Amino acid sequence: MPSLNVSFTEAELEGVRAAAAAEGKSLKQYLHDLGVREMQRRQFVSGAAAWADRLREEFDEAFPDEVPPSEREGAAAA
């Protein structure tokens, strides 16, 4: 299985160790989970943004007062 050596300053390592201990995890497990969570967060945000883009026109039609003035039809270019 691939592995990775990561360098930290003493202060950074102390903080990471404290965070791992607070979650009841080993340093290795904490850092692994942190990377996986960030990957999942990015996938979620990307999916949520795509979902919002697909529904934007429908939302704008249903709630015209919520459309930013610069994006309304006939609005002057800023």
PDB file of N, CA and C in Angstrom:
ATOM      1  N   MET A   1       0.850  -1.177   0.000  1.00  0.00           N
ATOM      2  CA  MET A   1       0.000   0.000   0.000  1.00  0.00           C
ATOM      3  C   MET A   1       0.896   1.240   0.000  1.00  0.00           C
ATOM      4  N   PRO A   2       0.592   2.220  -0.843  1.00  0.00           N
ATOM      5  CA  PRO A   2       1.396   3.439  -0.881  1.00  0.00           C
ATOM      6  C   PRO A   2       1.347   4.165   0.464  1.00  0.00           C
ATOM      7  N   SER A   3       2.422   4.860   0.764  1.00  0.00           N
ATOM      8  CA  SER A   3       2.458   5.659   1.986  1.00  0.00           C
ATOM      9  C   SER A   3       3.079   7.006   1.667  1.00  0.00           C
ATOM     10  N   LEU A   4       3.087   7.876   2.676  1.00  0.00           N
ATOM     11  CA  LEU A   4       3.516   9.253   2.458  1.00  0.00           C
ATOM     12  C   LEU A   4       4.207   9.760   3.708  1.00  0.00           C
ATOM     13  N   ASN A   5       5.344  10.399   3.544  1.00  0.00           N
ATOM     14  CA  ASN A   5       6.007  11.067   4.657  1.00  0.00           C
ATOM     15  C   ASN A   5       5.619  12.536   4.605  1.00  0.00           C
ATOM     16  N   VAL A   6       5.137  13.063   5.712  1.00  0.00           N
ATOM     17  CA  VAL A   6       4.688  14.447   5.775  1.00  0.00           C
ATOM     18  C   VAL A   6       5.505  15.172   6.837  1.00  0.00           C
ATOM     19  N   SER A   7       6.031  16.339   6.494  1.00  0.00           N
ATOM     20  CA  SER A   7       6.834  17.122   7.433  1.00  0.00           C
ATOM     21  C   SER A   7       5.978  18.178   8.117  1.00  0.00           C
ATOM     22  N   PHE A   8       6.194  18.343   9.402  1.00  0.00           N
ATOM     23  CA  PHE A   8       5.507  19.354  10.201  1.00  0.00           C
ATOM     24  C   PHE A   8       6.539  20.072  11.059  1.00  0.00           C
ATOM     25  N   THR A   9       6.260  21.318  11.401  1.00  0.00           N
ATOM     26  CA  THR A   9       7.064  21.975  12.432  1.00  0.00           C
ATOM     27  C   THR A   9       6.670  21.345  13.761  1.00  0.00           C
ATOM     28  N   GLU A  10       7.450  21.586  14.786  1.00  0.00           N
ATOM     29  CA  GLU A  10       7.127  21.035  16.107  1.00  0.00           C
ATOM     30  C   GLU A  10       5.747  21.526  16.570  1.00  0.00           C
ATOM     31  N   ALA A  11       5.467  22.811  16.364  1.00  0.00           N
ATOM     32  CA  ALA A  11       4.181  23.378  16.786  1.00  0.00           C
ATOM     33  C   ALA A  11       3.026  22.754  15.997  1.00  0.00           C
ATOM     34  N   GLU A  12       3.217  22.584  14.689  1.00  0.00           N
ATOM     35  CA  GLU A  12       2.171  21.964  13.873  1.00  0.00           C
ATOM     36  C   GLU A  12       1.913  20.534  14.314  1.00  0.00           C
ATOM     37  N   LEU A  13       2.982  19.787  14.524  1.00  0.00           N
ATOM     38  CA  LEU A  13       2.838  18.394  14.929  1.00  0.00           C
ATOM     39  C   LEU A  13       2.147  18.286  16.283  1.00  0.00           C
ATOM     40  N   GLU A  14       2.466  19.183  17.184  1.00  0.00           N
ATOM     41  CA  GLU A  14       1.806  19.195  18.494  1.00  0.00           C
ATOM     42  C   GLU A  14       0.298  19.411  18.331  1.00  0.00           C
ATOM     43  N   GLY A  15      -0.074  20.340  17.457  1.00  0.00           N
ATOM     44  CA  GLY A  15      -1.492  20.609  17.208  1.00  0.00           C
ATOM     45  C   GLY A  15      -2.203  19.436  16.561  1.00  0.00           C
ATOM     46  N   VAL A  16      -1.540  18.800  15.600  1.00  0.00           N
ATOM     47  CA  VAL A  16      -2.137  17.649  14.915  1.00  0.00           C
ATOM     48  C   VAL A  16      -2.292  16.483  15.886  1.00  0.00           C
ATOM     49  N   ARG A  17      -1.295  16.265  16.720  1.00  0.00           N
ATOM     50  CA  ARG A  17      -1.392  15.198  17.727  1.00  0.00           C
ATOM     51  C   ARG A  17      -2.541  15.455  18.690  1.00  0.00           C
ATOM     52  N   ALA A  18      -2.702  16.701  19.099  1.00  0.00           N
ATOM     53  CA  ALA A  18      -3.799  17.052  20.011  1.00  0.00           C
ATOM     54  C   ALA A  18      -5.152  16.817  19.336  1.00  0.00           C
ATOM     55  N   ALA A  19      -5.270  17.183  18.068  1.00  0.00           N
ATOM     56  CA  ALA A  19      -6.521  16.980  17.333  1.00  0.00           C
ATOM     57  C   ALA A  19      -6.822  15.491  17.188  1.00  0.00           C
ATOM     58  N   ALA A  20      -5.807  14.693  16.899  1.00  0.00           N
ATOM     59  CA  ALA A  20      -5.991  13.244  16.779  1.00  0.00           C
ATOM     60  C   ALA A  20      -6.432  12.654  18.111  1.00  0.00           C
ATOM     61  N   ALA A  21      -5.785  13.075  19.178  1.00  0.00           N
ATOM     62  CA  ALA A  21      -6.147  12.574  20.510  1.00  0.00           C
ATOM     63  C   ALA A  21      -7.575  12.962  20.867  1.00  0.00           C
ATOM     64  N   ALA A  22      -7.983  14.172  20.494  1.00  0.00           N
ATOM     65  CA  ALA A  22      -9.339  14.632  20.793  1.00  0.00           C
ATOM     66  C   ALA A  22     -10.391  13.767  20.101  1.00  0.00           C
ATOM     67  N   GLU A  23     -10.033  13.200  18.952  1.00  0.00           N
ATOM     68  CA  GLU A  23     -10.947  12.319  18.224  1.00  0.00           C
ATOM     69  C   GLU A  23     -10.736  10.855  18.586  1.00  0.00           C
ATOM     70  N   GLY A  24      -9.790  10.593  19.489  1.00  0.00           N
ATOM     71  CA  GLY A  24      -9.529   9.225  19.910  1.00  0.00           C
ATOM     72  C   GLY A  24      -8.894   8.375  18.824  1.00  0.00           C
ATOM     73  N   LYS A  25      -8.090   8.997  17.968  1.00  0.00           N
ATOM     74  CA  LYS A  25      -7.475   8.287  16.852  1.00  0.00           C
ATOM     75  C   LYS A  25      -5.965   8.371  16.943  1.00  0.00           C
ATOM     76  N   SER A  26      -5.319   7.411  16.305  1.00  0.00           N
ATOM     77  CA  SER A  26      -3.870   7.499  16.164  1.00  0.00           C
ATOM     78  C   SER A  26      -3.569   8.627  15.181  1.00  0.00           C
ATOM     79  N   LEU A  27      -2.356   9.116  15.235  1.00  0.00           N
ATOM     80  CA  LEU A  27      -1.940  10.171  14.316  1.00  0.00           C
ATOM     81  C   LEU A  27      -2.083   9.706  12.870  1.00  0.00           C
ATOM     82  N   LYS A  28      -1.677   8.480  12.596  1.00  0.00           N
ATOM     83  CA  LYS A  28      -1.762   7.920  11.247  1.00  0.00           C
ATOM     84  C   LYS A  28      -3.219   7.858  10.774  1.00  0.00           C
ATOM     85  N   GLN A  29      -4.121   7.356  11.619  1.00  0.00           N
ATOM     86  CA  GLN A  29      -5.531   7.248  11.243  1.00  0.00           C
ATOM     87  C   GLN A  29      -6.167   8.625  11.074  1.00  0.00           C
ATOM     88  N   TYR A  30      -5.808   9.556  11.949  1.00  0.00           N
ATOM     89  CA  TYR A  30      -6.356  10.915  11.872  1.00  0.00           C
ATOM     90  C   TYR A  30      -5.975  11.580  10.550  1.00  0.00           C
ATOM     91  N   LEU A  31      -4.690  11.486  10.177  1.00  0.00           N
ATOM     92  CA  LEU A  31      -4.256  12.110   8.932  1.00  0.00           C
ATOM     93  C   LEU A  31      -4.864  11.425   7.717  1.00  0.00           C
ATOM     94  N   HIS A  32      -5.014  10.124   7.775  1.00  0.00           N
ATOM     95  CA  HIS A  32      -5.671   9.400   6.680  1.00  0.00           C
ATOM     96  C   HIS A  32      -7.109   9.895   6.528  1.00  0.00           C
ATOM     97  N   ASP A  33      -7.838   9.906   7.638  1.00  0.00           N
ATOM     98  CA  ASP A  33      -9.246  10.309   7.596  1.00  0.00           C
ATOM     99  C   ASP A  33      -9.405  11.757   7.150  1.00  0.00           C
ATOM    100  N   LEU A  34      -8.474  12.612   7.537  1.00  0.00           N
ATOM    101  CA  LEU A  34      -8.537  14.021   7.153  1.00  0.00           C
ATOM    102  C   LEU A  34      -8.453  14.168   5.636  1.00  0.00           C
ATOM    103  N   GLY A  35      -7.540  13.445   5.021  1.00  0.00           N
ATOM    104  CA  GLY A  35      -7.419  13.500   3.557  1.00  0.00           C
ATOM    105  C   GLY A  35      -8.642  12.955   2.853  1.00  0.00           C
ATOM    106  N   VAL A  36      -9.169  11.853   3.362  1.00  0.00           N
ATOM    107  CA  VAL A  36     -10.366  11.252   2.757  1.00  0.00           C
ATOM    108  C   VAL A  36     -11.567  12.188   2.916  1.00  0.00           C
ATOM    109  N   ARG A  37     -11.726  12.790   4.101  1.00  0.00           N
ATOM    110  CA  ARG A  37     -12.842  13.724   4.325  1.00  0.00           C
ATOM    111  C   ARG A  37     -12.770  14.909   3.385  1.00  0.00           C
ATOM    112  N   GLU A  38     -11.559  15.428   3.137  1.00  0.00           N
ATOM    113  CA  GLU A  38     -11.412  16.568   2.229  1.00  0.00           C
ATOM    114  C   GLU A  38     -11.793  16.172   0.807  1.00  0.00           C
ATOM    115  N   MET A  39     -11.399  14.981   0.382  1.00  0.00           N
ATOM    116  CA  MET A  39     -11.770  14.503  -0.953  1.00  0.00           C
ATOM    117  C   MET A  39     -13.297  14.393  -1.063  1.00  0.00           C
ATOM    118  N   GLN A  40     -13.942  13.838  -0.034  1.00  0.00           N
ATOM    119  CA  GLN A  40     -15.398  13.694  -0.042  1.00  0.00           C
ATOM    120  C   GLN A  40     -16.088  15.052   0.000  1.00  0.00           C
ATOM    121  N   ARG A  41     -15.516  16.006   0.756  1.00  0.00           N
ATOM    122  CA  ARG A  41     -16.093  17.354   0.840  1.00  0.00           C
ATOM    123  C   ARG A  41     -16.061  18.016  -0.527  1.00  0.00           C
ATOM    124  N   ARG A  42     -14.947  17.891  -1.219  1.00  0.00           N
ATOM    125  CA  ARG A  42     -14.843  18.498  -2.554  1.00  0.00           C
ATOM    126  C   ARG A  42     -15.840  17.879  -3.531  1.00  0.00           C
ATOM    127  N   GLN A  43     -16.024  16.562  -3.463  1.00  0.00           N
ATOM    128  CA  GLN A  43     -16.999  15.899  -4.329  1.00  0.00           C
ATOM    129  C   GLN A  43     -18.409  16.393  -4.003  1.00  0.00           C
ATOM    130  N   PHE A  44     -18.716  16.547  -2.715  1.00  0.00           N
ATOM    131  CA  PHE A  44     -20.031  17.022  -2.308  1.00  0.00           C
ATOM    132  C   PHE A  44     -20.270  18.445  -2.809  1.00  0.00           C
ATOM    133  N   VAL A  45     -19.300  19.328  -2.603  1.00  0.00           N
ATOM    134  CA  VAL A  45     -19.453  20.724  -3.022  1.00  0.00           C
ATOM    135  C   VAL A  45     -19.619  20.810  -4.536  1.00  0.00           C
ATOM    136  N   SER A  46     -18.852  20.030  -5.270  1.00  0.00           N
ATOM    137  CA  SER A  46     -18.969  20.018  -6.729  1.00  0.00           C
ATOM    138  C   SER A  46     -20.363  19.553  -7.151  1.00  0.00           C
ATOM    139  N   GLY A  47     -20.855  18.498  -6.533  1.00  0.00           N
ATOM    140  CA  GLY A  47     -22.191  17.995  -6.846  1.00  0.00           C
ATOM    141  C   GLY A  47     -23.281  18.989  -6.464  1.00  0.00           C
ATOM    142  N   ALA A  48     -23.131  19.628  -5.308  1.00  0.00           N
ATOM    143  CA  ALA A  48     -24.121  20.611  -4.859  1.00  0.00           C
ATOM    144  C   ALA A  48     -24.151  21.817  -5.797  1.00  0.00           C
ATOM    145  N   ALA A  49     -22.980  22.254  -6.250  1.00  0.00           N
ATOM    146  CA  ALA A  49     -22.921  23.388  -7.179  1.00  0.00           C
ATOM    147  C   ALA A  49     -23.565  23.019  -8.517  1.00  0.00           C
ATOM    148  N   ALA A  50     -23.324  21.816  -9.005  1.00  0.00           N
ATOM    149  CA  ALA A  50     -23.940  21.379 -10.262  1.00  0.00           C
ATOM    150  C   ALA A  50     -25.452  21.296 -10.117  1.00  0.00           C
ATOM    151  N   TRP A  51     -25.922  20.776  -8.983  1.00  0.00           N
ATOM    152  CA  TRP A  51     -27.361  20.682  -8.712  1.00  0.00           C
ATOM    153  C   TRP A  51     -27.984  22.075  -8.688  1.00  0.00           C
ATOM    154  N   ALA A  52     -27.326  23.026  -8.009  1.00  0.00           N
ATOM    155  CA  ALA A  52     -27.838  24.401  -7.935  1.00  0.00           C
ATOM    156  C   ALA A  52     -27.875  25.041  -9.321  1.00  0.00           C
ATOM    157  N   ASP A  53     -26.854  24.801 -10.111  1.00  0.00           N
ATOM    158  CA  ASP A  53     -26.826  25.368 -11.471  1.00  0.00           C
ATOM    159  C   ASP A  53     -27.972  24.829 -12.320  1.00  0.00           C
ATOM    160  N   ARG A  54     -28.285  23.529 -12.164  1.00  0.00           N
ATOM    161  CA  ARG A  54     -29.387  22.940 -12.933  1.00  0.00           C
ATOM    162  C   ARG A  54     -30.737  23.546 -12.532  1.00  0.00           C
ATOM    163  N   LEU A  55     -30.883  23.933 -11.274  1.00  0.00           N
ATOM    164  CA  LEU A  55     -32.167  24.445 -10.788  1.00  0.00           C
ATOM    165  C   LEU A  55     -32.257  25.965 -10.748  1.00  0.00           C
ATOM    166  N   ARG A  56     -31.158  26.647 -11.070  1.00  0.00           N
ATOM    167  CA  ARG A  56     -31.125  28.105 -10.931  1.00  0.00           C
ATOM    168  C   ARG A  56     -32.239  28.804 -11.714  1.00  0.00           C
ATOM    169  N   GLU A  57     -32.452  28.422 -12.956  1.00  0.00           N
ATOM    170  CA  GLU A  57     -33.461  29.088 -13.782  1.00  0.00           C
ATOM    171  C   GLU A  57     -34.856  28.896 -13.181  1.00  0.00           C
ATOM    172  N   GLU A  58     -35.155  27.679 -12.746  1.00  0.00           N
ATOM    173  CA  GLU A  58     -36.449  27.398 -12.134  1.00  0.00           C
ATOM    174  C   GLU A  58     -36.624  28.205 -10.841  1.00  0.00           C
ATOM    175  N   PHE A  59     -35.603  28.282 -10.036  1.00  0.00           N
ATOM    176  CA  PHE A  59     -35.664  29.051  -8.797  1.00  0.00           C
ATOM    177  C   PHE A  59     -35.862  30.538  -9.102  1.00  0.00           C
ATOM    178  N   ASP A  60     -35.104  31.051 -10.071  1.00  0.00           N
ATOM    179  CA  ASP A  60     -35.212  32.464 -10.426  1.00  0.00           C
ATOM    180  C   ASP A  60     -36.611  32.817 -10.914  1.00  0.00           C
ATOM    181  N   GLU A  61     -37.247  31.902 -11.648  1.00  0.00           N
ATOM    182  CA  GLU A  61     -38.618  32.145 -12.112  1.00  0.00           C
ATOM    183  C   GLU A  61     -39.604  32.117 -10.949  1.00  0.00           C
ATOM    184  N   ALA A  62     -39.409  31.214 -10.006  1.00  0.00           N
ATOM    185  CA  ALA A  62     -40.316  31.074  -8.868  1.00  0.00           C
ATOM    186  C   ALA A  62     -40.132  32.203  -7.858  1.00  0.00           C
ATOM    187  N   PHE A  63     -38.934  32.728  -7.743  1.00  0.00           N
ATOM    188  CA  PHE A  63     -38.628  33.760  -6.746  1.00  0.00           C
ATOM    189  C   PHE A  63     -37.879  34.912  -7.406  1.00  0.00           C
ATOM    190  N   PRO A  64     -38.550  35.685  -8.248  1.00  0.00           N
ATOM    191  CA  PRO A  64     -37.860  36.738  -9.005  1.00  0.00           C
ATOM    192  C   PRO A  64     -37.232  37.812  -8.123  1.00  0.00           C
ATOM    193  N   ASP A  65     -37.766  38.046  -6.939  1.00  0.00           N
ATOM    194  CA  ASP A  65     -37.192  39.070  -6.059  1.00  0.00           C
ATOM    195  C   ASP A  65     -35.858  38.639  -5.453  1.00  0.00           C
ATOM    196  N   GLU A  66     -35.539  37.358  -5.576  1.00  0.00           N
ATOM    197  CA  GLU A  66     -34.285  36.847  -5.029  1.00  0.00           C
ATOM    198  C   GLU A  66     -33.143  36.880  -6.046  1.00  0.00           C
ATOM    199  N   VAL A  67     -33.457  37.185  -7.296  1.00  0.00           N
ATOM    200  CA  VAL A  67     -32.427  37.252  -8.336  1.00  0.00           C
ATOM    201  C   VAL A  67     -31.617  38.525  -8.107  1.00  0.00           C
ATOM    202  N   PRO A  68     -30.295  38.417  -8.032  1.00  0.00           N
ATOM    203  CA  PRO A  68     -29.481  39.627  -7.851  1.00  0.00           C
ATOM    204  C   PRO A  68     -29.761  40.631  -8.962  1.00  0.00           C
ATOM    205  N   PRO A  69     -29.833  41.922  -8.624  1.00  0.00           N
ATOM    206  CA  PRO A  69     -30.159  42.952  -9.628  1.00  0.00           C
ATOM    207  C   PRO A  69     -29.280  42.882 -10.876  1.00  0.00           C
ATOM    208  N   SER A  70     -28.027  42.553 -10.723  1.00  0.00           N
ATOM    209  CA  SER A  70     -27.122  42.513 -11.883  1.00  0.00           C
ATOM    210  C   SER A  70     -27.436  41.363 -12.823  1.00  0.00           C
ATOM    211  N   GLU A  71     -28.224  40.378 -12.383  1.00  0.00           N
ATOM    212  CA  GLU A  71     -28.551  39.221 -13.218  1.00  0.00           C
ATOM    213  C   GLU A  71     -29.984  39.252 -13.738  1.00  0.00           C
ATOM    214  N   ARG A  72     -30.755  40.286 -13.397  1.00  0.00           N
ATOM    215  CA  ARG A  72     -32.136  40.366 -13.861  1.00  0.00           C
ATOM    216  C   ARG A  72     -32.171  40.770 -15.324  1.00  0.00           C
ATOM    217  N   GLU A  73     -33.220  40.325 -16.012  1.00  0.00           N
ATOM    218  CA  GLU A  73     -33.396  40.700 -17.414  1.00  0.00           C
ATOM    219  C   GLU A  73     -33.523  42.204 -17.528  1.00  0.00           C
ATOM    220  N   GLY A  74     -32.833  42.761 -18.498  1.00  0.00           N
ATOM    221  CA  GLY A  74     -32.915  44.196 -18.734  1.00  0.00           C
ATOM    222  C   GLY A  74     -32.046  45.006 -17.783  1.00  0.00           C
ATOM    223  N   ALA A  75     -31.280  44.367 -16.933  1.00  0.00           N
ATOM    224  CA  ALA A  75     -30.415  45.092 -16.012  1.00  0.00           C
ATOM    225  C   ALA A  75     -29.243  45.668 -16.792  1.00  0.00           C
ATOM    226  N   ALA A  76     -28.851  46.892 -16.429  1.00  0.00           N
ATOM    227  CA  ALA A  76     -27.711  47.523 -17.078  1.00  0.00           C
ATOM    228  C   ALA A  76     -26.437  46.824 -16.646  1.00  0.00           C
ATOM    229  N   ALA A  77     -25.514  46.691 -17.569  1.00  0.00           N
ATOM    230  CA  ALA A  77     -24.231  46.064 -17.250  1.00  0.00           C
ATOM    231  C   ALA A  77     -23.458  46.958 -16.280  1.00  0.00           C
ATOM    232  N   ALA A  78     -22.851  46.315 -15.306  1.00  0.00           N
ATOM    233  CA  ALA A  78     -22.114  47.092 -14.306  1.00  0.00           C
ATOM    234  C   ALA A  78     -20.742  47.450 -14.786  1.00  0.00           C
TER     235      ALA A  78
END
